C-alpha atoms as a PDB file:
ATOM      1  CA  UNK A   1      15.999 -34.481  -6.582  1.00  0.00           C
ATOM      2  CA  UNK A   2      17.504 -37.603  -8.176  1.00  0.00           C
ATOM      3  CA  UNK A   3      20.616 -36.946 -10.271  1.00  0.00           C
ATOM      4  CA  UNK A   4      18.874 -37.940 -13.500  1.00  0.00           C
ATOM      5  CA  UNK A   5      16.324 -35.169 -13.082  1.00  0.00           C
ATOM      6  CA  UNK A   6      18.526 -32.392 -11.737  1.00  0.00           C
ATOM      7  CA  UNK A   7      19.997 -29.549 -13.753  1.00  0.00           C
ATOM      8  CA  UNK A   8      21.805 -26.476 -12.499  1.00  0.00           C
ATOM      9  CA  UNK A   9      21.190 -24.022 -15.352  1.00  0.00           C
ATOM     10  CA  UNK A  10      18.897 -21.052 -14.914  1.00  0.00           C
ATOM     11  CA  UNK A  11      19.302 -19.828 -11.345  1.00  0.00           C
ATOM     12  CA  UNK A  12      16.533 -17.416 -10.328  1.00  0.00           C
ATOM     13  CA  UNK A  13      15.169 -17.390 -13.865  1.00  0.00           C
ATOM     14  CA  UNK A  14      14.647 -21.124 -13.575  1.00  0.00           C
ATOM     15  CA  UNK A  15      12.353 -20.570 -10.587  1.00  0.00           C
ATOM     16  CA  UNK A  16      10.231 -18.161 -12.621  1.00  0.00           C
ATOM     17  CA  UNK A  17      10.057 -20.704 -15.431  1.00  0.00           C
ATOM     18  CA  UNK A  18       8.922 -23.385 -12.987  1.00  0.00           C
ATOM     19  CA  UNK A  19       6.102 -21.068 -11.899  1.00  0.00           C
ATOM     20  CA  UNK A  20       5.048 -20.879 -15.552  1.00  0.00           C
ATOM     21  CA  UNK A  21       5.189 -24.672 -15.819  1.00  0.00           C
ATOM     22  CA  UNK A  22       2.865 -24.953 -12.821  1.00  0.00           C
ATOM     23  CA  UNK A  23       0.406 -22.500 -14.372  1.00  0.00           C
ATOM     24  CA  UNK A  24       0.317 -24.440 -17.641  1.00  0.00           C
ATOM     25  CA  UNK A  25       0.089 -27.752 -15.811  1.00  0.00           C
ATOM     26  CA  UNK A  26      -2.902 -26.491 -13.833  1.00  0.00           C
ATOM     27  CA  UNK A  27      -4.729 -25.342 -16.952  1.00  0.00           C
ATOM     28  CA  UNK A  28      -3.740 -28.028 -19.483  1.00  0.00           C
ATOM     29  CA  UNK A  29      -2.834 -31.120 -17.466  1.00  0.00           C
ATOM     30  CA  UNK A  30       0.240 -33.347 -17.559  1.00  0.00           C
ATOM     31  CA  UNK A  31      -0.328 -34.836 -21.001  1.00  0.00           C
ATOM     32  CA  UNK A  32      -0.942 -31.482 -22.691  1.00  0.00           C
ATOM     33  CA  UNK A  33       1.835 -29.405 -21.112  1.00  0.00           C
ATOM     34  CA  UNK A  34       4.422 -28.850 -23.839  1.00  0.00           C
ATOM     35  CA  UNK A  35       7.573 -26.803 -24.184  1.00  0.00           C
ATOM     36  CA  UNK A  36       5.678 -24.498 -26.559  1.00  0.00           C
ATOM     37  CA  UNK A  37       2.968 -23.809 -23.964  1.00  0.00           C
ATOM     38  CA  UNK A  38       5.479 -23.006 -21.229  1.00  0.00           C
ATOM     39  CA  UNK A  39       7.491 -20.880 -23.651  1.00  0.00           C
ATOM     40  CA  UNK A  40       4.400 -18.802 -24.418  1.00  0.00           C
ATOM     41  CA  UNK A  41       3.339 -18.542 -20.763  1.00  0.00           C
ATOM     42  CA  UNK A  42       6.781 -17.733 -19.371  1.00  0.00           C
ATOM     43  CA  UNK A  43       8.250 -15.703 -22.221  1.00  0.00           C
ATOM     44  CA  UNK A  44      11.260 -17.978 -22.549  1.00  0.00           C
ATOM     45  CA  UNK A  45      12.621 -19.709 -25.632  1.00  0.00           C
ATOM     46  CA  UNK A  46      12.016 -23.409 -26.159  1.00  0.00           C
ATOM     47  CA  UNK A  47      15.761 -23.896 -26.521  1.00  0.00           C
ATOM     48  CA  UNK A  48      16.220 -22.383 -23.063  1.00  0.00           C
ATOM     49  CA  UNK A  49      13.686 -24.793 -21.606  1.00  0.00           C
ATOM     50  CA  UNK A  50      15.563 -27.683 -23.199  1.00  0.00           C
ATOM     51  CA  UNK A  51      18.790 -26.416 -21.642  1.00  0.00           C
ATOM     52  CA  UNK A  52      17.195 -26.080 -18.222  1.00  0.00           C
ATOM     53  CA  UNK A  53      15.334 -29.384 -18.124  1.00  0.00           C
ATOM     54  CA  UNK A  54      16.361 -31.638 -20.989  1.00  0.00           C
ATOM     55  CA  UNK A  55      12.961 -33.203 -21.615  1.00  0.00           C
ATOM     56  CA  UNK A  56       9.332 -32.171 -21.310  1.00  0.00           C
ATOM     57  CA  UNK A  57       8.740 -34.920 -18.748  1.00  0.00           C
ATOM     58  CA  UNK A  58      11.642 -33.815 -16.551  1.00  0.00           C
ATOM     59  CA  UNK A  59      10.431 -30.219 -16.714  1.00  0.00           C
ATOM     60  CA  UNK A  60       6.965 -31.181 -15.483  1.00  0.00           C
ATOM     61  CA  UNK A  61       8.234 -33.526 -12.792  1.00  0.00           C
ATOM     62  CA  UNK A  62      10.611 -30.900 -11.432  1.00  0.00           C
ATOM     63  CA  UNK A  63       7.746 -28.395 -11.316  1.00  0.00           C
ATOM     64  CA  UNK A  64       5.590 -30.839  -9.363  1.00  0.00           C
ATOM     65  CA  UNK A  65       8.432 -31.525  -6.950  1.00  0.00           C
ATOM     66  CA  UNK A  66       8.995 -27.816  -6.351  1.00  0.00           C
ATOM     67  CA  UNK A  67       5.263 -27.282  -5.896  1.00  0.00           C
ATOM     68  CA  UNK A  68       4.940 -30.016  -3.272  1.00  0.00           C
ATOM     69  CA  UNK A  69       8.000 -28.721  -1.400  1.00  0.00           C
ATOM     70  CA  UNK A  70       6.384 -25.292  -1.255  1.00  0.00           C
ATOM     71  CA  UNK A  71       3.215 -26.831   0.162  1.00  0.00           C
ATOM     72  CA  UNK A  72       5.193 -28.550   2.904  1.00  0.00           C
ATOM     73  CA  UNK A  73       7.023 -25.314   3.709  1.00  0.00           C
ATOM     74  CA  UNK A  74       3.722 -23.412   3.847  1.00  0.00           C
ATOM     75  CA  UNK A  75       2.313 -25.848   6.397  1.00  0.00           C
ATOM     76  CA  UNK A  76       5.430 -25.516   8.521  1.00  0.00           C
ATOM     77  CA  UNK A  77       4.971 -21.742   8.549  1.00  0.00           C
ATOM     78  CA  UNK A  78       1.302 -22.042   9.522  1.00  0.00           C
ATOM     79  CA  UNK A  79       2.205 -24.472  12.281  1.00  0.00           C
ATOM     80  CA  UNK A  80       4.958 -22.273  13.675  1.00  0.00           C
ATOM     81  CA  UNK A  81       2.616 -19.275  13.902  1.00  0.00           C
ATOM     82  CA  UNK A  82       0.094 -20.856  16.306  1.00  0.00           C
ATOM     83  CA  UNK A  83       0.979 -22.194  19.757  1.00  0.00           C
ATOM     84  CA  UNK A  84      -2.414 -23.611  20.725  1.00  0.00           C
ATOM     85  CA  UNK A  85      -2.825 -27.171  19.337  1.00  0.00           C
ATOM     86  CA  UNK A  86      -6.526 -26.861  18.458  1.00  0.00           C
ATOM     87  CA  UNK A  87      -6.191 -23.488  16.786  1.00  0.00           C
ATOM     88  CA  UNK A  88      -3.135 -24.817  14.968  1.00  0.00           C
ATOM     89  CA  UNK A  89      -5.150 -27.735  13.598  1.00  0.00           C
ATOM     90  CA  UNK A  90      -7.855 -25.331  12.465  1.00  0.00           C
ATOM     91  CA  UNK A  91      -5.258 -23.106  10.755  1.00  0.00           C
ATOM     92  CA  UNK A  92      -3.659 -26.100   9.020  1.00  0.00           C
ATOM     93  CA  UNK A  93      -7.078 -27.294   7.884  1.00  0.00           C
ATOM     94  CA  UNK A  94      -7.940 -23.844   6.550  1.00  0.00           C
ATOM     95  CA  UNK A  95      -4.646 -23.740   4.632  1.00  0.00           C
ATOM     96  CA  UNK A  96      -5.800 -26.793   2.711  1.00  0.00           C
ATOM     97  CA  UNK A  97      -9.426 -25.722   2.359  1.00  0.00           C
ATOM     98  CA  UNK A  98      -8.506 -22.347   0.894  1.00  0.00           C
ATOM     99  CA  UNK A  99      -5.846 -23.381  -1.598  1.00  0.00           C
ATOM    100  CA  UNK A 100      -6.179 -21.716  -4.973  1.00  0.00           C
ATOM    101  CA  UNK A 101      -7.861 -23.456  -7.890  1.00  0.00           C
ATOM    102  CA  UNK A 102      -4.485 -23.732  -9.602  1.00  0.00           C
ATOM    103  CA  UNK A 103      -2.895 -25.343  -6.554  1.00  0.00           C
ATOM    104  CA  UNK A 104      -5.694 -27.902  -6.329  1.00  0.00           C
ATOM    105  CA  UNK A 105      -5.305 -28.771 -10.004  1.00  0.00           C
ATOM    106  CA  UNK A 106      -1.539 -29.222  -9.701  1.00  0.00           C
ATOM    107  CA  UNK A 107      -2.043 -31.485  -6.684  1.00  0.00           C
ATOM    108  CA  UNK A 108      -4.453 -33.695  -8.614  1.00  0.00           C
ATOM    109  CA  UNK A 109      -2.044 -33.868 -11.556  1.00  0.00           C
ATOM    110  CA  UNK A 110       0.718 -34.817  -9.124  1.00  0.00           C
ATOM    111  CA  UNK A 111      -1.374 -37.614  -7.629  1.00  0.00           C
ATOM    112  CA  UNK A 112      -2.333 -38.885 -11.097  1.00  0.00           C
ATOM    113  CA  UNK A 113       1.268 -38.855 -12.281  1.00  0.00           C
ATOM    114  CA  UNK A 114       2.522 -40.596  -9.140  1.00  0.00           C
ATOM    115  CA  UNK A 115       0.287 -43.557  -9.949  1.00  0.00           C
ATOM    116  CA  UNK A 116       2.335 -44.213 -13.090  1.00  0.00           C
ATOM    117  CA  UNK A 117       5.833 -42.985 -12.240  1.00  0.00           C
ATOM    118  CA  UNK A 118       7.847 -44.950  -9.657  1.00  0.00           C
ATOM    119  CA  UNK A 119      10.091 -41.998  -8.856  1.00  0.00           C
ATOM    120  CA  UNK A 120       7.137 -39.688  -8.273  1.00  0.00           C
ATOM    121  CA  UNK A 121       5.369 -42.360  -6.242  1.00  0.00           C
ATOM    122  CA  UNK A 122       8.362 -42.568  -3.915  1.00  0.00           C
ATOM    123  CA  UNK A 123       8.474 -38.787  -3.719  1.00  0.00           C
ATOM    124  CA  UNK A 124       4.746 -38.687  -2.984  1.00  0.00           C
ATOM    125  CA  UNK A 125       5.171 -41.047  -0.027  1.00  0.00           C
ATOM    126  CA  UNK A 126       8.072 -38.995   1.314  1.00  0.00           C
ATOM    127  CA  UNK A 127       6.209 -35.710   0.891  1.00  0.00           C
ATOM    128  CA  UNK A 128       3.124 -37.118   2.594  1.00  0.00           C
ATOM    129  CA  UNK A 129       5.198 -37.937   5.666  1.00  0.00           C
ATOM    130  CA  UNK A 130       6.394 -34.327   5.916  1.00  0.00           C
ATOM    131  CA  UNK A 131       3.033 -32.811   4.924  1.00  0.00           C
ATOM    132  CA  UNK A 132       1.362 -34.906   7.613  1.00  0.00           C
ATOM    133  CA  UNK A 133       3.893 -34.048  10.322  1.00  0.00           C
ATOM    134  CA  UNK A 134       2.466 -30.662  11.470  1.00  0.00           C
ATOM    135  CA  UNK A 135      -1.052 -32.111  11.782  1.00  0.00           C
ATOM    136  CA  UNK A 136       0.210 -35.121  13.713  1.00  0.00           C
ATOM    137  CA  UNK A 137       2.381 -32.971  15.978  1.00  0.00           C
ATOM    138  CA  UNK A 138      -0.586 -30.743  16.848  1.00  0.00           C
ATOM    139  CA  UNK A 139      -2.734 -33.747  17.755  1.00  0.00           C
ATOM    140  CA  UNK A 140      -0.005 -35.283  19.896  1.00  0.00           C
ATOM    141  CA  UNK A 141       0.737 -31.987  21.610  1.00  0.00           C
ATOM    142  CA  UNK A 142      -2.927 -31.484  22.408  1.00  0.00           C
ATOM    143  CA  UNK A 143      -3.020 -34.926  24.018  1.00  0.00           C
ATOM    144  CA  UNK A 144       0.147 -34.246  26.014  1.00  0.00           C
ATOM    145  CA  UNK A 145      -1.282 -30.952  27.308  1.00  0.00           C
ATOM    146  CA  UNK A 146      -4.541 -32.558  28.284  1.00  0.00           C
ATOM    147  CA  UNK A 147      -6.467 -30.394  25.810  1.00  0.00           C
ATOM    148  CA  UNK A 148      -7.507 -33.478  23.776  1.00  0.00           C
ATOM    149  CA  UNK A 149      -8.890 -36.778  25.019  1.00  0.00           C
ATOM    150  CA  UNK A 150      -9.104 -38.705  21.746  1.00  0.00           C
ATOM    151  CA  UNK A 151     -11.096 -41.868  21.179  1.00  0.00           C
ATOM    152  CA  UNK A 152      -8.513 -43.039  18.637  1.00  0.00           C
ATOM    153  CA  UNK A 153      -4.749 -42.780  18.372  1.00  0.00           C
ATOM    154  CA  UNK A 154      -3.137 -39.647  16.931  1.00  0.00           C
ATOM    155  CA  UNK A 155      -2.084 -41.316  13.670  1.00  0.00           C
ATOM    156  CA  UNK A 156      -5.610 -42.521  12.913  1.00  0.00           C
ATOM    157  CA  UNK A 157      -7.154 -39.104  13.560  1.00  0.00           C
ATOM    158  CA  UNK A 158      -4.512 -37.389  11.424  1.00  0.00           C
ATOM    159  CA  UNK A 159      -5.052 -39.818   8.549  1.00  0.00           C
ATOM    160  CA  UNK A 160      -8.821 -39.265   8.742  1.00  0.00           C
ATOM    161  CA  UNK A 161      -8.379 -35.500   8.542  1.00  0.00           C
ATOM    162  CA  UNK A 162      -5.965 -35.608   5.589  1.00  0.00           C
ATOM    163  CA  UNK A 163      -8.117 -38.104   3.682  1.00  0.00           C
ATOM    164  CA  UNK A 164     -11.143 -35.832   4.117  1.00  0.00           C
ATOM    165  CA  UNK A 165      -9.206 -32.784   2.907  1.00  0.00           C
ATOM    166  CA  UNK A 166      -7.849 -34.672  -0.124  1.00  0.00           C
ATOM    167  CA  UNK A 167     -11.354 -35.810  -1.016  1.00  0.00           C
ATOM    168  CA  UNK A 168     -12.631 -32.248  -1.019  1.00  0.00           C
ATOM    169  CA  UNK A 169      -9.778 -31.179  -3.308  1.00  0.00           C
ATOM    170  CA  UNK A 170     -10.847 -33.794  -5.873  1.00  0.00           C
ATOM    171  CA  UNK A 171     -14.468 -32.707  -5.577  1.00  0.00           C
ATOM    172  CA  UNK A 172     -13.646 -29.020  -6.028  1.00  0.00           C
ATOM    173  CA  UNK A 173     -11.397 -29.638  -9.029  1.00  0.00           C
ATOM    174  CA  UNK A 174     -14.360 -31.333 -10.689  1.00  0.00           C
ATOM    175  CA  UNK A 175     -16.613 -28.393  -9.706  1.00  0.00           C
ATOM    176  CA  UNK A 176     -19.167 -30.540  -7.929  1.00  0.00           C
ATOM    177  CA  UNK A 177     -22.071 -28.523  -6.564  1.00  0.00           C
ATOM    178  CA  UNK A 178     -21.674 -30.032  -3.102  1.00  0.00           C
ATOM    179  CA  UNK A 179     -20.256 -29.959  -0.551  1.00  0.00           C
ATOM    180  CA  UNK A 180     -19.652 -26.264  -0.210  1.00  0.00           C
ATOM    181  CA  UNK A 181     -16.281 -25.445   1.395  1.00  0.00           C
ATOM    182  CA  UNK A 182     -18.017 -23.622   4.249  1.00  0.00           C
ATOM    183  CA  UNK A 183     -20.376 -26.485   5.100  1.00  0.00           C
ATOM    184  CA  UNK A 184     -17.609 -29.026   4.699  1.00  0.00           C
ATOM    185  CA  UNK A 185     -15.402 -27.060   7.076  1.00  0.00           C
ATOM    186  CA  UNK A 186     -18.114 -26.818   9.713  1.00  0.00           C
ATOM    187  CA  UNK A 187     -18.871 -30.548   9.613  1.00  0.00           C
ATOM    188  CA  UNK A 188     -15.200 -31.557   9.453  1.00  0.00           C
ATOM    189  CA  UNK A 189     -14.206 -29.432  12.458  1.00  0.00           C
ATOM    190  CA  UNK A 190     -17.213 -30.648  14.422  1.00  0.00           C
ATOM    191  CA  UNK A 191     -16.232 -34.246  13.710  1.00  0.00           C
ATOM    192  CA  UNK A 192     -12.604 -33.525  14.536  1.00  0.00           C
ATOM    193  CA  UNK A 193     -13.598 -32.019  17.900  1.00  0.00           C
ATOM    194  CA  UNK A 194     -15.533 -35.173  18.703  1.00  0.00           C
ATOM    195  CA  UNK A 195     -12.712 -37.477  17.625  1.00  0.00           C
ATOM    196  CA  UNK A 196     -10.206 -35.538  19.696  1.00  0.00           C
ATOM    197  CA  UNK A 197     -12.440 -34.856  22.678  1.00  0.00           C
ATOM    198  CA  UNK A 198     -11.421 -31.203  22.468  1.00  0.00           C
ATOM    199  CA  UNK A 199     -11.790 -29.278  25.696  1.00  0.00           C
ATOM    200  CA  UNK A 200     -12.379 -25.522  25.893  1.00  0.00           C
ATOM    201  CA  UNK A 201     -11.984 -24.848  22.166  1.00  0.00           C
ATOM    202  CA  UNK A 202     -12.152 -21.191  21.194  1.00  0.00           C
ATOM    203  CA  UNK A 203     -15.737 -20.690  19.894  1.00  0.00           C
ATOM    204  CA  UNK A 204     -14.416 -18.616  16.989  1.00  0.00           C
ATOM    205  CA  UNK A 205     -12.793 -21.734  15.520  1.00  0.00           C
ATOM    206  CA  UNK A 206     -15.956 -23.829  15.561  1.00  0.00           C
ATOM    207  CA  UNK A 207     -18.085 -22.627  12.674  1.00  0.00           C
ATOM    208  CA  UNK A 208     -16.156 -19.883  10.892  1.00  0.00           C
ATOM    209  CA  UNK A 209     -12.638 -18.932   9.936  1.00  0.00           C
ATOM    210  CA  UNK A 210     -12.204 -16.429  12.768  1.00  0.00           C
END
């Protein structure tokens, strides 16, 4: 984190407080997340929050940074657990599709805030590169193994997949009736198989989460 938004007070307790910030942010949004709300949610004094973070804005921005780092780490773990490139892509896709409601709301607040904050915008671009990396690596590995014969280059396919997943997050946060996550998943994976020219995909990854 930049020096201006880094504080060292709190230790492990600080991490618990940041979890409370994320919960409040998900339920109330950036503009309505106050020290008082986090104090009530996390059981910590407002004066302690001021010591930890300095300002309300810095508290929220640090929480969003920690949240996005956790998302990147989670994708790395999913990627490391699956050797087969196609099944890895399916697992990475499912990780996004089955995020919690709170996680989806924090992501949308992060994207909204990054439109107005230069520091967060830079962080968003940097995080996207690392968030994207496991998807891109799986596509490239599938091509190298001969498991994929894509009609487009690996970067274009990866960007298509991530844009589709981000669009569903926005739709679900707004509680749109359609598309359903299950139908969206089936269509998205079918389209991804076509784009990649997937050969010999495990049938269990085609239309369900198995």
